[in-house]
């Protein structure tokens, strides 16, 4: 199966980022960003996350380097971001997890500008993701939403392919059109997958129509943009984190829609903030409500996903063993409780939980999306769950993890043609 993320533009962006990590200004920004974050956290940092702070700061900064590498609106390219560290094509790609990244998503960014016209062509590669969203965002933090189109809204050709147009004019009679605003920065794509083994992100290409108004961004310009935005957006990303850590411990809430707070404004959200001992658990009971995509994921106190390739720190509807009543039930705990739908805390006691519903129908069934959470002793867990919940042996748990790791690895699969043709990227 072809991997749409393995392309010359992505490899060139990775080469840019790897080179920028050696820039003295970038290194200085990394130290400054560290001071800003520590000042924001003050005395609130739990001891258990202290060993991971340096890695979190590295990934935070690398995220902005990738955004800078994706930001050239006159010579656009799709660049994958918000990923764990990994190796492919003979080089190490730094991790970029920050701001509550979703392990089910392939995140891609392409720079766009008001007053410039673009054409995006897309096609499915095998089984397409459960939900794909295309969002024009007005900031580097990808939190200011200008417009969103989701995959179920697209007009398609018989083979599933489509063309999306972007410019500063109203859509009028045009289908699959997005209108920019003066502050637009990126086209932000989220391919949300419920079946990691078979679903594949769309193959996407973006083309600027007309002559470019500037030369391609140099690494010098990328470095300047990255260090400025990484510093300036610490308050924004601290705010994201604060929406969880300012909750009462062992509490949860449902947000019917994210409108007005940025991000993917068409989704409904659930949040939870838990402090778990070794002998207790939280039961999550969720109504999928006919959503195209529904999932639960855990983050550490630093608001990073938890090595989701090797542990079940996230579970979507396709990964859960369903109950007969159609509801999703999962158990959050530090120790393996034996239930198939286990959300593994990765050894942490303080965890943030996020529930996402995307592609909701106009009239969601069964009362619409929603969830409940209940703290119970592990010893009482079996009696607190429905009788049709599935339980695993130790061997079955190992098999579950192995299958998960293999499915996640598809994101780094190499295309033979790309491997032969690129062989490395040239400085810009």
Foldseek 3Di string as FASTA:
>chain_A
DDALQLFQLQQQLQVLLVVLCPDPLLVVLLVVLLVVLCVLCPPVDDPVCVVVSSLLSQLLLSQLLSLLSQFFALAHDKYWAQADWDDDLHDTGHHNFALQDDLQKGKIKHWHAAAWKKKKKKAFDFAAALKKKKFFAQDSVQFRTDDMDMLVQADADPRRMHMAMEYQDDCVPNTNYDHDDRRTGITMMIRGHQFLQTHHYINMDMDIPDHGPDDTDASVNSSVSSSVRSNVCPVVRVVSLCVAVVDPAADKDWAQFCPPGGDPGQKTKIKHKYQADQFKKKKKKKALLQFSWKKKAKDASRSGGDPVLQAQRMHIPSQADADPVRIGIAMEHCDDLQFSRYNHPNNGRIMMMMIIGHRHDPRGPPRGIDMDMDMDTSVCVCVVDDPPTDGHDPVVNNVSRVVSNVSSCVNRDHDPVSSVPPSHYDGD
